[in-house]
C-alpha atoms as a PDB file:
ATOM      1  CA  MET A   1      -7.971  25.275  10.667  1.00  0.00           C
ATOM      2  CA  SER A   2      -4.196  25.766  10.274  1.00  0.00           C
ATOM      3  CA  LEU A   3      -2.710  25.855   6.105  1.00  0.00           C
ATOM      4  CA  GLU A   4       0.627  24.683   7.990  1.00  0.00           C
ATOM      5  CA  TYR A   5       0.606  21.491   5.899  1.00  0.00           C
ATOM      6  CA  TRP A   6      -1.074  22.702   2.629  1.00  0.00           C
ATOM      7  CA  TYR A   7       1.021  21.112   0.219  1.00  0.00           C
ATOM      8  CA  VAL A   8       0.080  18.029   1.906  1.00  0.00           C
ATOM      9  CA  PHE A   9      -2.952  18.443  -0.482  1.00  0.00           C
ATOM     10  CA  PRO A  10      -1.193  18.057  -3.986  1.00  0.00           C
ATOM     11  CA  PHE A  11       0.954  15.285  -3.189  1.00  0.00           C
ATOM     12  CA  ALA A  12      -1.646  13.304  -1.767  1.00  0.00           C
ATOM     13  CA  ILE A  13      -3.390  14.118  -5.522  1.00  0.00           C
ATOM     14  CA  PHE A  14      -0.369  12.780  -7.677  1.00  0.00           C
ATOM     15  CA  VAL A  15       0.144   9.585  -4.953  1.00  0.00           C
ATOM     16  CA  CYS A  16      -3.184   8.314  -5.775  1.00  0.00           C
ATOM     17  CA  ILE A  17      -3.382   9.043  -8.697  1.00  0.00           C
ATOM     18  CA  LEU A  18      -0.680   6.751  -9.399  1.00  0.00           C
ATOM     19  CA  ALA A  19      -1.156   3.923  -6.801  1.00  0.00           C
ATOM     20  CA  THR A  20      -4.412   3.502  -8.395  1.00  0.00           C
ATOM     21  CA  ALA A  21      -3.424   3.329 -11.702  1.00  0.00           C
ATOM     22  CA  SER A  22      -0.983   1.163 -10.856  1.00  0.00           C
ATOM     23  CA  GLY A  23      -2.123  -1.500  -7.931  1.00  0.00           C
ATOM     24  CA  PHE A  24      -0.109  -0.201  -5.033  1.00  0.00           C
ATOM     25  CA  SER A  25      -0.530   1.062  -1.796  1.00  0.00           C
ATOM     26  CA  GLY A  26      -0.153   5.247  -1.537  1.00  0.00           C
ATOM     27  CA  ALA A  27       0.836   4.352   1.837  1.00  0.00           C
ATOM     28  CA  VAL A  28       4.259   3.286   0.564  1.00  0.00           C
ATOM     29  CA  LEU A  29       5.256   6.698  -0.381  1.00  0.00           C
ATOM     30  CA  PHE A  30       3.156   8.835   2.429  1.00  0.00           C
ATOM     31  CA  GLN A  31       4.985   7.048   5.058  1.00  0.00           C
ATOM     32  CA  PRO A  32       8.193   8.006   4.141  1.00  0.00           C
ATOM     33  CA  PHE A  33       6.896  11.896   3.241  1.00  0.00           C
ATOM     34  CA  PHE A  34       5.007  12.190   6.458  1.00  0.00           C
ATOM     35  CA  TYR A  35       8.634  10.834   8.322  1.00  0.00           C
ATOM     36  CA  PHE A  36      11.226  12.952   6.380  1.00  0.00           C
ATOM     37  CA  VAL A  37       9.515  16.021   5.000  1.00  0.00           C
ATOM     38  CA  LEU A  38       6.984  16.720   8.114  1.00  0.00           C
ATOM     39  CA  LYS A  39       9.032  14.986  10.554  1.00  0.00           C
ATOM     40  CA  ILE A  40       6.525  13.472  12.338  1.00  0.00           C
ATOM     41  CA  PRO A  41       7.281   9.919  14.356  1.00  0.00           C
ATOM     42  CA  VAL A  42       7.738   6.714  12.771  1.00  0.00           C
ATOM     43  CA  PRO A  43       3.911   5.394  14.363  1.00  0.00           C
ATOM     44  CA  SER A  44       2.396   8.616  13.935  1.00  0.00           C
ATOM     45  CA  SER A  45       3.444   8.667   9.862  1.00  0.00           C
ATOM     46  CA  ILE A  46       2.614   5.145   9.389  1.00  0.00           C
ATOM     47  CA  ALA A  47      -0.789   5.087  11.276  1.00  0.00           C
ATOM     48  CA  THR A  48      -1.684   8.820   9.001  1.00  0.00           C
ATOM     49  CA  GLY A  49      -0.552   7.075   5.927  1.00  0.00           C
ATOM     50  CA  ILE A  50      -2.734   4.696   5.951  1.00  0.00           C
ATOM     51  CA  ALA A  51      -5.572   6.350   7.216  1.00  0.00           C
ATOM     52  CA  THR A  52      -5.406   8.341   3.714  1.00  0.00           C
ATOM     53  CA  GLU A  53      -5.306   5.349   2.355  1.00  0.00           C
ATOM     54  CA  THR A  54      -8.233   3.782   3.383  1.00  0.00           C
ATOM     55  CA  ILE A  55     -10.067   6.831   1.982  1.00  0.00           C
ATOM     56  CA  GLY A  56      -7.694   6.585  -1.266  1.00  0.00           C
ATOM     57  CA  MET A  57      -7.982   3.195  -1.880  1.00  0.00           C
ATOM     58  CA  SER A  58     -11.934   3.164  -1.047  1.00  0.00           C
ATOM     59  CA  GLY A  59     -12.309   5.691  -3.911  1.00  0.00           C
ATOM     60  CA  GLY A  60     -10.070   3.740  -6.355  1.00  0.00           C
ATOM     61  CA  ALA A  61     -11.894   0.377  -5.001  1.00  0.00           C
ATOM     62  CA  TYR A  62     -15.317   1.757  -6.045  1.00  0.00           C
ATOM     63  CA  ARG A  63     -14.409   3.772  -9.038  1.00  0.00           C
ATOM     64  CA  TYR A  64     -12.819   0.632 -10.429  1.00  0.00           C
ATOM     65  CA  ALA A  65     -16.628  -1.377  -9.542  1.00  0.00           C
ATOM     66  CA  GLN A  66     -17.971   0.649 -11.932  1.00  0.00           C
ATOM     67  CA  MET A  67     -15.218  -0.220 -14.244  1.00  0.00           C
ATOM     68  CA  GLY A  68     -16.202  -4.126 -13.346  1.00  0.00           C
ATOM     69  CA  TYR A  69     -12.723  -4.472 -12.637  1.00  0.00           C
ATOM     70  CA  HIS A  70     -13.040  -6.555  -9.612  1.00  0.00           C
ATOM     71  CA  ASP A  71     -12.443 -10.223  -9.385  1.00  0.00           C
ATOM     72  CA  TYR A  72     -14.663 -10.630  -6.317  1.00  0.00           C
ATOM     73  CA  SER A  73     -14.205 -14.260  -6.308  1.00  0.00           C
ATOM     74  CA  LEU A  74     -10.546 -14.002  -5.544  1.00  0.00           C
ATOM     75  CA  TRP A  75     -11.259 -11.002  -2.938  1.00  0.00           C
ATOM     76  CA  LYS A  76     -13.226 -13.759  -0.981  1.00  0.00           C
ATOM     77  CA  LYS A  77     -10.927 -16.121  -0.729  1.00  0.00           C
ATOM     78  CA  CYS A  78      -7.850 -14.180  -0.043  1.00  0.00           C
ATOM     79  CA  VAL A  79      -9.767 -11.347   2.472  1.00  0.00           C
ATOM     80  CA  PRO A  80      -9.922 -13.699   6.127  1.00  0.00           C
ATOM     81  CA  PHE A  81      -6.306 -14.678   5.388  1.00  0.00           C
ATOM     82  CA  THR A  82      -5.507 -10.903   5.221  1.00  0.00           C
ATOM     83  CA  LEU A  83      -7.693  -9.515   7.769  1.00  0.00           C
ATOM     84  CA  ALA A  84      -6.203 -11.888  10.603  1.00  0.00           C
ATOM     85  CA  GLY A  85      -2.274 -10.559   9.382  1.00  0.00           C
ATOM     86  CA  VAL A  86      -3.908  -7.292  10.035  1.00  0.00           C
ATOM     87  CA  ILE A  87      -4.848  -8.262  14.028  1.00  0.00           C
ATOM     88  CA  ALA A  88      -1.389 -10.190  14.258  1.00  0.00           C
ATOM     89  CA  GLY A  89       0.333  -6.697  12.714  1.00  0.00           C
ATOM     90  CA  PHE A  90      -1.586  -4.513  14.846  1.00  0.00           C
ATOM     91  CA  LEU A  91      -0.240  -6.314  18.154  1.00  0.00           C
ATOM     92  CA  PHE A  92       3.004  -6.421  17.223  1.00  0.00           C
ATOM     93  CA  PHE A  93       2.893  -2.672  15.706  1.00  0.00           C
ATOM     94  CA  VAL A  94       2.094  -1.317  18.986  1.00  0.00           C
ATOM     95  CA  LYS A  95       5.146  -2.899  21.175  1.00  0.00           C
ATOM     96  CA  LEU A  96       7.828  -1.988  18.607  1.00  0.00           C
ATOM     97  CA  PRO A  97      10.634   0.633  19.738  1.00  0.00           C
ATOM     98  CA  PRO A  98      10.356   3.356  16.928  1.00  0.00           C
ATOM     99  CA  ALA A  99      14.151   2.368  15.687  1.00  0.00           C
ATOM    100  CA  PRO A 100      13.623  -0.998  14.573  1.00  0.00           C
ATOM    101  CA  LEU A 101      10.405  -0.158  13.131  1.00  0.00           C
ATOM    102  CA  LYS A 102      12.197   1.946  10.635  1.00  0.00           C
ATOM    103  CA  ALA A 103      14.545  -0.812   9.603  1.00  0.00           C
ATOM    104  CA  ILE A 104      11.240  -2.939   9.040  1.00  0.00           C
ATOM    105  CA  VAL A 105       9.989  -0.638   7.322  1.00  0.00           C
ATOM    106  CA  GLY A 106      12.921  -0.014   5.063  1.00  0.00           C
ATOM    107  CA  VAL A 107      13.653  -3.950   4.583  1.00  0.00           C
ATOM    108  CA  SER A 108       9.910  -4.501   3.554  1.00  0.00           C
ATOM    109  CA  MET A 109      10.216  -1.481   0.707  1.00  0.00           C
ATOM    110  CA  ILE A 110      12.928  -2.898  -1.086  1.00  0.00           C
ATOM    111  CA  LEU A 111      11.682  -6.775  -0.717  1.00  0.00           C
ATOM    112  CA  VAL A 112       8.414  -4.918  -2.563  1.00  0.00           C
ATOM    113  CA  ALA A 113      10.199  -3.214  -5.290  1.00  0.00           C
ATOM    114  CA  VAL A 114      12.299  -6.606  -6.427  1.00  0.00           C
ATOM    115  CA  ILE A 115       8.673  -8.650  -5.902  1.00  0.00           C
ATOM    116  CA  GLN A 116       7.368  -6.099  -8.236  1.00  0.00           C
ATOM    117  CA  LEU A 117      10.476  -6.004 -10.812  1.00  0.00           C
ATOM    118  CA  VAL A 118      10.315  -9.662 -10.814  1.00  0.00           C
ATOM    119  CA  SER A 119       7.135  -9.756 -12.102  1.00  0.00           C
ATOM    120  CA  VAL A 120       7.309  -7.049 -14.192  1.00  0.00           C
ATOM    121  CA  TYR A 121      10.168  -8.808 -16.229  1.00  0.00           C
ATOM    122  CA  ARG A 122       9.950 -12.774 -15.554  1.00  0.00           C
ATOM    123  CA  LYS A 123       7.606 -14.519 -18.491  1.00  0.00           C
ATOM    124  CA  HIS A 124       4.865 -16.253 -16.329  1.00  0.00           C
ATOM    125  CA  SER A 125       3.073 -19.394 -18.285  1.00  0.00           C
ATOM    126  CA  LYS A 126      -0.084 -19.568 -17.711  1.00  0.00           C
ATOM    127  CA  LYS A 127      -0.720 -23.295 -19.027  1.00  0.00           C
ATOM    128  CA  THR A 128      -0.411 -24.496 -15.490  1.00  0.00           C
ATOM    129  CA  PRO A 129      -4.307 -24.199 -13.479  1.00  0.00           C
ATOM    130  CA  PRO A 130      -3.972 -21.503 -10.985  1.00  0.00           C
ATOM    131  CA  THR A 131      -2.434 -22.006  -7.608  1.00  0.00           C
ATOM    132  CA  ILE A 132      -3.764 -19.149  -5.584  1.00  0.00           C
ATOM    133  CA  LYS A 133      -4.240 -21.065  -2.383  1.00  0.00           C
ATOM    134  CA  ARG A 134      -0.995 -21.597  -2.426  1.00  0.00           C
ATOM    135  CA  TRP A 135      -0.338 -17.887  -1.528  1.00  0.00           C
ATOM    136  CA  PHE A 136      -2.772 -17.295   1.604  1.00  0.00           C
ATOM    137  CA  PRO A 137       0.217 -17.674   3.549  1.00  0.00           C
ATOM    138  CA  ALA A 138       1.163 -14.770   1.799  1.00  0.00           C
ATOM    139  CA  PHE A 139      -1.746 -12.683   2.383  1.00  0.00           C
ATOM    140  CA  PHE A 140      -1.452 -13.024   5.965  1.00  0.00           C
ATOM    141  CA  LEU A 141       1.882 -11.879   5.803  1.00  0.00           C
ATOM    142  CA  SER A 142       0.821  -8.427   3.897  1.00  0.00           C
ATOM    143  CA  GLY A 143      -1.820  -8.098   6.538  1.00  0.00           C
ATOM    144  CA  ALA A 144       0.688  -7.950   9.178  1.00  0.00           C
ATOM    145  CA  PHE A 145       3.038  -6.231   7.564  1.00  0.00           C
ATOM    146  CA  SER A 146       0.400  -3.627   6.112  1.00  0.00           C
ATOM    147  CA  ALA A 147      -0.678  -2.951   9.829  1.00  0.00           C
ATOM    148  CA  SER A 148       3.068  -2.936  11.057  1.00  0.00           C
ATOM    149  CA  THR A 149       5.262  -1.257   8.708  1.00  0.00           C
ATOM    150  CA  GLY A 150       2.192   0.966   6.587  1.00  0.00           C
ATOM    151  CA  THR A 151       2.971  -0.907   3.137  1.00  0.00           C
ATOM    152  CA  GLY A 152       2.637  -4.750   2.000  1.00  0.00           C
ATOM    153  CA  VAL A 153      -1.503  -5.261   1.392  1.00  0.00           C
ATOM    154  CA  ALA A 154      -1.551  -4.275  -2.733  1.00  0.00           C
ATOM    155  CA  GLU A 155       2.018  -4.735  -2.999  1.00  0.00           C
ATOM    156  CA  MET A 156       2.384  -7.996  -2.371  1.00  0.00           C
ATOM    157  CA  SER A 157      -1.326  -8.786  -3.636  1.00  0.00           C
ATOM    158  CA  GLN A 158      -0.592  -7.725  -7.095  1.00  0.00           C
ATOM    159  CA  PRO A 159       1.866 -10.228  -8.236  1.00  0.00           C
ATOM    160  CA  ILE A 160       0.313 -13.121  -6.566  1.00  0.00           C
ATOM    161  CA  ILE A 161      -3.542 -12.558  -7.118  1.00  0.00           C
ATOM    162  CA  GLU A 162      -1.957 -11.449 -11.262  1.00  0.00           C
ATOM    163  CA  HIS A 163       0.097 -14.535 -11.675  1.00  0.00           C
ATOM    164  CA  ALA A 164      -0.459 -17.269  -9.591  1.00  0.00           C
ATOM    165  CA  GLY A 165      -4.695 -16.600 -10.345  1.00  0.00           C
ATOM    166  CA  HIS A 166      -3.813 -15.827 -13.701  1.00  0.00           C
ATOM    167  CA  VAL A 167      -5.333 -12.827 -13.693  1.00  0.00           C
ATOM    168  CA  PRO A 168      -5.136  -9.453 -16.364  1.00  0.00           C
ATOM    169  CA  THR A 169      -3.310  -7.062 -15.029  1.00  0.00           C
ATOM    170  CA  LYS A 170      -5.618  -4.473 -14.899  1.00  0.00           C
ATOM    171  CA  ARG A 171      -8.312  -6.812 -12.776  1.00  0.00           C
ATOM    172  CA  ALA A 172      -5.204  -7.452 -10.663  1.00  0.00           C
ATOM    173  CA  ASN A 173      -4.820  -4.195  -9.834  1.00  0.00           C
ATOM    174  CA  ALA A 174      -8.503  -3.365  -9.040  1.00  0.00           C
ATOM    175  CA  THR A 175      -8.954  -6.715  -6.904  1.00  0.00           C
ATOM    176  CA  ALA A 176      -5.634  -5.862  -4.955  1.00  0.00           C
ATOM    177  CA  ILE A 177      -6.614  -2.475  -4.208  1.00  0.00           C
ATOM    178  CA  LEU A 178     -10.440  -3.727  -2.742  1.00  0.00           C
ATOM    179  CA  LEU A 179      -8.468  -5.874  -0.832  1.00  0.00           C
ATOM    180  CA  GLU A 180      -6.214  -2.778   0.690  1.00  0.00           C
ATOM    181  CA  ALA A 181      -9.164  -0.928   1.042  1.00  0.00           C
ATOM    182  CA  THR A 182     -10.841  -3.387   3.489  1.00  0.00           C
ATOM    183  CA  ALA A 183      -7.565  -4.061   4.755  1.00  0.00           C
ATOM    184  CA  ASP A 184      -7.195  -0.390   5.353  1.00  0.00           C
ATOM    185  CA  TRP A 185     -10.702   0.199   7.016  1.00  0.00           C
ATOM    186  CA  LEU A 186      -9.610  -2.005   9.793  1.00  0.00           C
ATOM    187  CA  ILE A 187      -6.043  -0.862  10.766  1.00  0.00           C
ATOM    188  CA  THR A 188      -7.474   2.518  10.735  1.00  0.00           C
ATOM    189  CA  LEU A 189      -9.942   1.759  12.621  1.00  0.00           C
ATOM    190  CA  LEU A 190      -7.448  -0.046  15.415  1.00  0.00           C
ATOM    191  CA  ASN A 191      -5.033   3.330  15.216  1.00  0.00           C
ATOM    192  CA  LEU A 192      -7.301   5.151  16.176  1.00  0.00           C
ATOM    193  CA  THR A 193      -7.968   3.575  19.455  1.00  0.00           C
ATOM    194  CA  ILE A 194      -4.062   4.142  20.043  1.00  0.00           C
ATOM    195  CA  GLY A 195      -4.683   7.766  19.040  1.00  0.00           C
ATOM    196  CA  ASN A 196      -1.285   7.727  16.218  1.00  0.00           C
ATOM    197  CA  ILE A 197      -3.194   9.557  13.421  1.00  0.00           C
ATOM    198  CA  ARG A 198      -2.169  13.240  12.833  1.00  0.00           C
ATOM    199  CA  PHE A 199      -5.607  14.887  11.690  1.00  0.00           C
ATOM    200  CA  ASP A 200      -3.994  18.174  11.091  1.00  0.00           C
ATOM    201  CA  ILE A 201      -2.344  16.593   8.326  1.00  0.00           C
ATOM    202  CA  LEU A 202      -4.896  14.331   7.452  1.00  0.00           C
ATOM    203  CA  ILE A 203      -7.660  16.874   6.523  1.00  0.00           C
ATOM    204  CA  PHE A 204      -5.207  18.178   3.492  1.00  0.00           C
ATOM    205  CA  SER A 205      -4.474  13.827   2.781  1.00  0.00           C
ATOM    206  CA  VAL A 206      -7.798  12.669   2.645  1.00  0.00           C
ATOM    207  CA  SER A 207      -8.842  15.792   0.571  1.00  0.00           C
ATOM    208  CA  GLY A 208      -6.001  15.495  -2.209  1.00  0.00           C
ATOM    209  CA  VAL A 209      -6.914  11.104  -2.404  1.00  0.00           C
ATOM    210  CA  LEU A 210     -10.521  12.044  -2.958  1.00  0.00           C
ATOM    211  CA  ILE A 211      -9.583  13.433  -6.217  1.00  0.00           C
ATOM    212  CA  GLY A 212      -6.461  11.379  -6.695  1.00  0.00           C
ATOM    213  CA  SER A 213      -8.645   7.920  -6.507  1.00  0.00           C
ATOM    214  CA  GLN A 214     -10.909   8.846  -9.153  1.00  0.00           C
ATOM    215  CA  ILE A 215      -8.274  10.121 -11.479  1.00  0.00           C
ATOM    216  CA  GLY A 216      -6.053   6.575 -11.485  1.00  0.00           C
ATOM    217  CA  PRO A 217      -8.347   4.589 -12.229  1.00  0.00           C
ATOM    218  CA  ARG A 218     -10.012   6.467 -15.923  1.00  0.00           C
ATOM    219  CA  LEU A 219      -6.241   6.285 -16.612  1.00  0.00           C
ATOM    220  CA  ALA A 220      -4.874   2.837 -16.172  1.00  0.00           C
ATOM    221  CA  PRO A 221      -6.243   1.278 -19.277  1.00  0.00           C
ATOM    222  CA  TYR A 222      -4.055   3.999 -21.269  1.00  0.00           C
ATOM    223  CA  LEU A 223      -1.024   3.476 -19.002  1.00  0.00           C
ATOM    224  CA  PRO A 224       1.801   0.955 -19.747  1.00  0.00           C
ATOM    225  CA  ASP A 225       2.403  -1.412 -17.378  1.00  0.00           C
ATOM    226  CA  LYS A 226       5.415  -2.118 -17.253  1.00  0.00           C
ATOM    227  CA  ALA A 227       7.059   1.230 -17.229  1.00  0.00           C
ATOM    228  CA  LEU A 228       4.605   2.507 -14.293  1.00  0.00           C
ATOM    229  CA  LYS A 229       5.720  -0.713 -12.503  1.00  0.00           C
ATOM    230  CA  THR A 230       9.301  -0.114 -13.121  1.00  0.00           C
ATOM    231  CA  VAL A 231       9.619   3.320 -12.290  1.00  0.00           C
ATOM    232  CA  PHE A 232       7.671   2.292  -9.299  1.00  0.00           C
ATOM    233  CA  SER A 233       9.963  -0.220  -7.832  1.00  0.00           C
ATOM    234  CA  ILE A 234      12.804   2.157  -8.309  1.00  0.00           C
ATOM    235  CA  GLY A 235      11.486   5.159  -6.229  1.00  0.00           C
ATOM    236  CA  VAL A 236      10.231   2.661  -3.471  1.00  0.00           C
ATOM    237  CA  GLY A 237      13.476   0.639  -3.599  1.00  0.00           C
ATOM    238  CA  LEU A 238      15.966   3.851  -2.542  1.00  0.00           C
ATOM    239  CA  ILE A 239      12.934   4.726  -0.210  1.00  0.00           C
ATOM    240  CA  GLY A 240      13.696   1.907   1.594  1.00  0.00           C
ATOM    241  CA  LEU A 241      17.622   1.994   1.740  1.00  0.00           C
ATOM    242  CA  PHE A 242      17.177   5.120   2.588  1.00  0.00           C
ATOM    243  CA  TYR A 243      15.139   3.963   5.968  1.00  0.00           C
ATOM    244  CA  ILE A 244      17.346   1.483   6.494  1.00  0.00           C
ATOM    245  CA  TRP A 245      20.240   4.239   6.136  1.00  0.00           C
ATOM    246  CA  SER A 246      18.353   6.068   8.980  1.00  0.00           C
ATOM    247  CA  TYR A 247      18.211   2.776  11.084  1.00  0.00           C
ATOM    248  CA  LEU A 248      21.800   2.825  10.922  1.00  0.00           C
ATOM    249  CA  LYS A 249      22.995   6.266  12.114  1.00  0.00           C
ATOM    250  CA  THR A 250      21.365   5.657  15.158  1.00  0.00           C
ATOM    251  CA  TYR A 251      23.882   3.005  16.022  1.00  0.00           C
ATOM    252  CA  LEU A 252      27.126   4.902  14.416  1.00  0.00           C
END
């Protein structure tokens, strides 16, 4: 086994701790790291990032299940729409040229950052009944975005589950992670059929997330949600801007 990508291991631990503690998909950070640092093509960076998070989110979901944090009722309502979106997004993903894909990734990241910042600082009334059914189309879009750009399910689902479903933050984080893990398994199986996953990198990233996925949920009860989500949102937004700049350079 080559040790060329050994440094992916500690990075994967850090990202998975952050992701599983805060209710986001680590693929949103793995994908740009694989592309900008490791210099692998966008389709492979997306597929390898999602494959990494398939294990990371599954480990985190398992740990949260042991802690009793999942809202299985909401998960069962939302998962059919998410998986339908995954299939639609994958069909789009395999046909898209790399340059426009960069732009879509960038725009998706910025939208995720804005949504999260708004959800952090906007006050929500819980006097009205839950409105989760109105948001089922958004779960479809989250699956499509995740399959085609590497980010979407957990990032979009968490604020919807929390605010439209009237679910406490930590429980919403755990449920979004379970939804992400379910979608990631389907996306990874589909990516295996077209050979986009880099196994020489995956062996280090998966080793890292196996550790991080057990630490993040244990830390979650002690971390301030507002500060964690704010820092994460700013970082994701900056990465999105960098992707758009990279796309624009192609035509300048």
